[in-house]
Amino acid sequence: MVPFDFYPRTRIVFGPGAIAQLGALAGELGARRALVVSDRGVVQAG
């Protein structure tokens, strides 16, 4: 196995109403578009 160092810079925003922050968070990153991925299980989980 080849040695490596993996240090992802990831921000996770979680909790009720988190989706309402999407526009502001995307703006902070300079993004103009966002891709939101969901499925039936996520919807059923609430």
PDB file of N, CA and C in Angstrom:
ATOM      1  N   MET A   1       0.844  -1.171   0.000  1.00  0.00           N
ATOM      2  CA  MET A   1       0.000   0.000   0.000  1.00  0.00           C
ATOM      3  C   MET A   1       0.894   1.242   0.000  1.00  0.00           C
ATOM      4  N   VAL A   2       0.493   2.232  -0.755  1.00  0.00           N
ATOM      5  CA  VAL A   2       1.234   3.485  -0.855  1.00  0.00           C
ATOM      6  C   VAL A   2       0.807   4.415   0.281  1.00  0.00           C
ATOM      7  N   PRO A   3       1.750   4.928   1.060  1.00  0.00           N
ATOM      8  CA  PRO A   3       1.388   5.850   2.135  1.00  0.00           C
ATOM      9  C   PRO A   3       0.806   7.150   1.583  1.00  0.00           C
ATOM     10  N   PHE A   4      -0.130   7.711   2.303  1.00  0.00           N
ATOM     11  CA  PHE A   4      -0.701   8.994   1.906  1.00  0.00           C
ATOM     12  C   PHE A   4      -1.265   9.699   3.122  1.00  0.00           C
ATOM     13  N   ASP A   5      -1.510  10.966   2.961  1.00  0.00           N
ATOM     14  CA  ASP A   5      -2.121  11.793   3.994  1.00  0.00           C
ATOM     15  C   ASP A   5      -3.340  12.456   3.364  1.00  0.00           C
ATOM     16  N   PHE A   6      -4.521  12.145   3.855  1.00  0.00           N
ATOM     17  CA  PHE A   6      -5.763  12.668   3.296  1.00  0.00           C
ATOM     18  C   PHE A   6      -6.364  13.637   4.300  1.00  0.00           C
ATOM     19  N   TYR A   7      -6.417  14.901   3.928  1.00  0.00           N
ATOM     20  CA  TYR A   7      -6.925  15.930   4.820  1.00  0.00           C
ATOM     21  C   TYR A   7      -7.989  16.735   4.086  1.00  0.00           C
ATOM     22  N   PRO A   8      -9.238  16.222   4.052  1.00  0.00           N
ATOM     23  CA  PRO A   8     -10.287  16.957   3.342  1.00  0.00           C
ATOM     24  C   PRO A   8     -10.745  18.171   4.145  1.00  0.00           C
ATOM     25  N   ARG A   9     -10.981  19.234   3.446  1.00  0.00           N
ATOM     26  CA  ARG A   9     -11.529  20.433   4.079  1.00  0.00           C
ATOM     27  C   ARG A   9     -13.025  20.428   3.803  1.00  0.00           C
ATOM     28  N   THR A  10     -13.760  19.915   4.743  1.00  0.00           N
ATOM     29  CA  THR A  10     -15.187  19.702   4.550  1.00  0.00           C
ATOM     30  C   THR A  10     -15.982  20.391   5.651  1.00  0.00           C
ATOM     31  N   ARG A  11     -17.025  21.065   5.254  1.00  0.00           N
ATOM     32  CA  ARG A  11     -17.941  21.661   6.223  1.00  0.00           C
ATOM     33  C   ARG A  11     -19.263  20.930   6.101  1.00  0.00           C
ATOM     34  N   ILE A  12     -19.810  20.497   7.221  1.00  0.00           N
ATOM     35  CA  ILE A  12     -21.096  19.812   7.241  1.00  0.00           C
ATOM     36  C   ILE A  12     -22.045  20.650   8.083  1.00  0.00           C
ATOM     37  N   VAL A  13     -23.160  21.032   7.497  1.00  0.00           N
ATOM     38  CA  VAL A  13     -24.198  21.781   8.209  1.00  0.00           C
ATOM     39  C   VAL A  13     -25.377  20.829   8.339  1.00  0.00           C
ATOM     40  N   PHE A  14     -25.772  20.541   9.561  1.00  0.00           N
ATOM     41  CA  PHE A  14     -26.762  19.501   9.810  1.00  0.00           C
ATOM     42  C   PHE A  14     -27.809  20.000  10.790  1.00  0.00           C
ATOM     43  N   GLY A  15     -29.038  19.571  10.606  1.00  0.00           N
ATOM     44  CA  GLY A  15     -30.086  19.848  11.574  1.00  0.00           C
ATOM     45  C   GLY A  15     -31.317  20.447  10.930  1.00  0.00           C
ATOM     46  N   PRO A  16     -32.380  20.549  11.724  1.00  0.00           N
ATOM     47  CA  PRO A  16     -33.614  21.125  11.217  1.00  0.00           C
ATOM     48  C   PRO A  16     -33.372  22.534  10.682  1.00  0.00           C
ATOM     49  N   GLY A  17     -33.878  22.799   9.505  1.00  0.00           N
ATOM     50  CA  GLY A  17     -33.750  24.118   8.906  1.00  0.00           C
ATOM     51  C   GLY A  17     -32.414  24.374   8.228  1.00  0.00           C
ATOM     52  N   ALA A  18     -31.530  23.379   8.209  1.00  0.00           N
ATOM     53  CA  ALA A  18     -30.204  23.578   7.609  1.00  0.00           C
ATOM     54  C   ALA A  18     -30.308  23.951   6.133  1.00  0.00           C
ATOM     55  N   ILE A  19     -31.291  23.411   5.442  1.00  0.00           N
ATOM     56  CA  ILE A  19     -31.434  23.697   4.007  1.00  0.00           C
ATOM     57  C   ILE A  19     -31.721  25.178   3.779  1.00  0.00           C
ATOM     58  N   ALA A  20     -32.313  25.843   4.758  1.00  0.00           N
ATOM     59  CA  ALA A  20     -32.616  27.270   4.615  1.00  0.00           C
ATOM     60  C   ALA A  20     -31.348  28.112   4.538  1.00  0.00           C
ATOM     61  N   GLN A  21     -30.230  27.562   4.994  1.00  0.00           N
ATOM     62  CA  GLN A  21     -28.954  28.278   4.962  1.00  0.00           C
ATOM     63  C   GLN A  21     -28.202  28.069   3.653  1.00  0.00           C
ATOM     64  N   LEU A  22     -28.719  27.231   2.785  1.00  0.00           N
ATOM     65  CA  LEU A  22     -27.994  26.838   1.577  1.00  0.00           C
ATOM     66  C   LEU A  22     -27.560  28.023   0.728  1.00  0.00           C
ATOM     67  N   GLY A  23     -28.447  28.972   0.491  1.00  0.00           N
ATOM     68  CA  GLY A  23     -28.105  30.124  -0.343  1.00  0.00           C
ATOM     69  C   GLY A  23     -26.965  30.943   0.234  1.00  0.00           C
ATOM     70  N   ALA A  24     -27.029  31.216   1.525  1.00  0.00           N
ATOM     71  CA  ALA A  24     -25.974  32.002   2.174  1.00  0.00           C
ATOM     72  C   ALA A  24     -24.649  31.257   2.175  1.00  0.00           C
ATOM     73  N   LEU A  25     -24.696  29.960   2.448  1.00  0.00           N
ATOM     74  CA  LEU A  25     -23.466  29.163   2.470  1.00  0.00           C
ATOM     75  C   LEU A  25     -22.835  29.089   1.084  1.00  0.00           C
ATOM     76  N   ALA A  26     -23.663  28.912   0.072  1.00  0.00           N
ATOM     77  CA  ALA A  26     -23.144  28.865  -1.299  1.00  0.00           C
ATOM     78  C   ALA A  26     -22.530  30.207  -1.678  1.00  0.00           C
ATOM     79  N   GLY A  27     -23.164  31.290  -1.252  1.00  0.00           N
ATOM     80  CA  GLY A  27     -22.634  32.620  -1.527  1.00  0.00           C
ATOM     81  C   GLY A  27     -21.275  32.851  -0.882  1.00  0.00           C
ATOM     82  N   GLU A  28     -21.085  32.328   0.327  1.00  0.00           N
ATOM     83  CA  GLU A  28     -19.795  32.449   1.010  1.00  0.00           C
ATOM     84  C   GLU A  28     -18.680  31.788   0.207  1.00  0.00           C
ATOM     85  N   LEU A  29     -19.029  30.730  -0.506  1.00  0.00           N
ATOM     86  CA  LEU A  29     -18.042  29.995  -1.302  1.00  0.00           C
ATOM     87  C   LEU A  29     -17.898  30.558  -2.708  1.00  0.00           C
ATOM     88  N   GLY A  30     -18.725  31.543  -3.041  1.00  0.00           N
ATOM     89  CA  GLY A  30     -18.679  32.109  -4.382  1.00  0.00           C
ATOM     90  C   GLY A  30     -19.404  31.251  -5.403  1.00  0.00           C
ATOM     91  N   ALA A  31     -20.196  30.306  -4.921  1.00  0.00           N
ATOM     92  CA  ALA A  31     -20.914  29.403  -5.825  1.00  0.00           C
ATOM     93  C   ALA A  31     -22.154  30.084  -6.382  1.00  0.00           C
ATOM     94  N   ARG A  32     -22.487  29.730  -7.591  1.00  0.00           N
ATOM     95  CA  ARG A  32     -23.717  30.235  -8.204  1.00  0.00           C
ATOM     96  C   ARG A  32     -24.766  29.146  -8.301  1.00  0.00           C
ATOM     97  N   ARG A  33     -24.348  27.905  -8.130  1.00  0.00           N
ATOM     98  CA  ARG A  33     -25.268  26.769  -8.222  1.00  0.00           C
ATOM     99  C   ARG A  33     -24.929  25.758  -7.136  1.00  0.00           C
ATOM    100  N   ALA A  34     -25.907  24.947  -6.786  1.00  0.00           N
ATOM    101  CA  ALA A  34     -25.681  23.880  -5.810  1.00  0.00           C
ATOM    102  C   ALA A  34     -26.341  22.607  -6.316  1.00  0.00           C
ATOM    103  N   LEU A  35     -25.769  21.483  -5.970  1.00  0.00           N
ATOM    104  CA  LEU A  35     -26.345  20.184  -6.293  1.00  0.00           C
ATOM    105  C   LEU A  35     -26.753  19.548  -4.973  1.00  0.00           C
ATOM    106  N   VAL A  36     -28.033  19.326  -4.792  1.00  0.00           N
ATOM    107  CA  VAL A  36     -28.548  18.698  -3.584  1.00  0.00           C
ATOM    108  C   VAL A  36     -29.004  17.301  -3.970  1.00  0.00           C
ATOM    109  N   VAL A  37     -28.456  16.304  -3.297  1.00  0.00           N
ATOM    110  CA  VAL A  37     -28.771  14.912  -3.602  1.00  0.00           C
ATOM    111  C   VAL A  37     -29.601  14.351  -2.460  1.00  0.00           C
ATOM    112  N   SER A  38     -30.699  13.724  -2.811  1.00  0.00           N
ATOM    113  CA  SER A  38     -31.573  13.127  -1.814  1.00  0.00           C
ATOM    114  C   SER A  38     -32.156  11.842  -2.389  1.00  0.00           C
ATOM    115  N   ASP A  39     -32.809  11.086  -1.570  1.00  0.00           N
ATOM    116  CA  ASP A  39     -33.509   9.900  -2.051  1.00  0.00           C
ATOM    117  C   ASP A  39     -34.719   9.647  -1.157  1.00  0.00           C
ATOM    118  N   ARG A  40     -35.480   8.674  -1.500  1.00  0.00           N
ATOM    119  CA  ARG A  40     -36.710   8.381  -0.775  1.00  0.00           C
ATOM    120  C   ARG A  40     -36.441   8.107   0.706  1.00  0.00           C
ATOM    121  N   GLY A  41     -35.344   7.414   1.019  1.00  0.00           N
ATOM    122  CA  GLY A  41     -35.012   7.108   2.409  1.00  0.00           C
ATOM    123  C   GLY A  41     -34.746   8.353   3.229  1.00  0.00           C
ATOM    124  N   VAL A  42     -34.079   9.322   2.642  1.00  0.00           N
ATOM    125  CA  VAL A  42     -33.801  10.574   3.349  1.00  0.00           C
ATOM    126  C   VAL A  42     -35.105  11.318   3.602  1.00  0.00           C
ATOM    127  N   VAL A  43     -35.961  11.345   2.615  1.00  0.00           N
ATOM    128  CA  VAL A  43     -37.251  12.027   2.757  1.00  0.00           C
ATOM    129  C   VAL A  43     -38.081  11.346   3.844  1.00  0.00           C
ATOM    130  N   GLN A  44     -38.122  10.021   3.850  1.00  0.00           N
ATOM    131  CA  GLN A  44     -38.900   9.285   4.848  1.00  0.00           C
ATOM    132  C   GLN A  44     -38.341   9.468   6.254  1.00  0.00           C
ATOM    133  N   ALA A  45     -37.032   9.657   6.362  1.00  0.00           N
ATOM    134  CA  ALA A  45     -36.406   9.834   7.671  1.00  0.00           C
ATOM    135  C   ALA A  45     -36.729  11.200   8.271  1.00  0.00           C
ATOM    136  N   GLY A  46     -37.193  12.108   7.413  1.00  0.00           N
ATOM    137  CA  GLY A  46     -37.589  13.422   7.911  1.00  0.00           C
ATOM    138  C   GLY A  46     -36.501  14.416   7.772  1.00  0.00           C
TER     139      GLY A  46
END
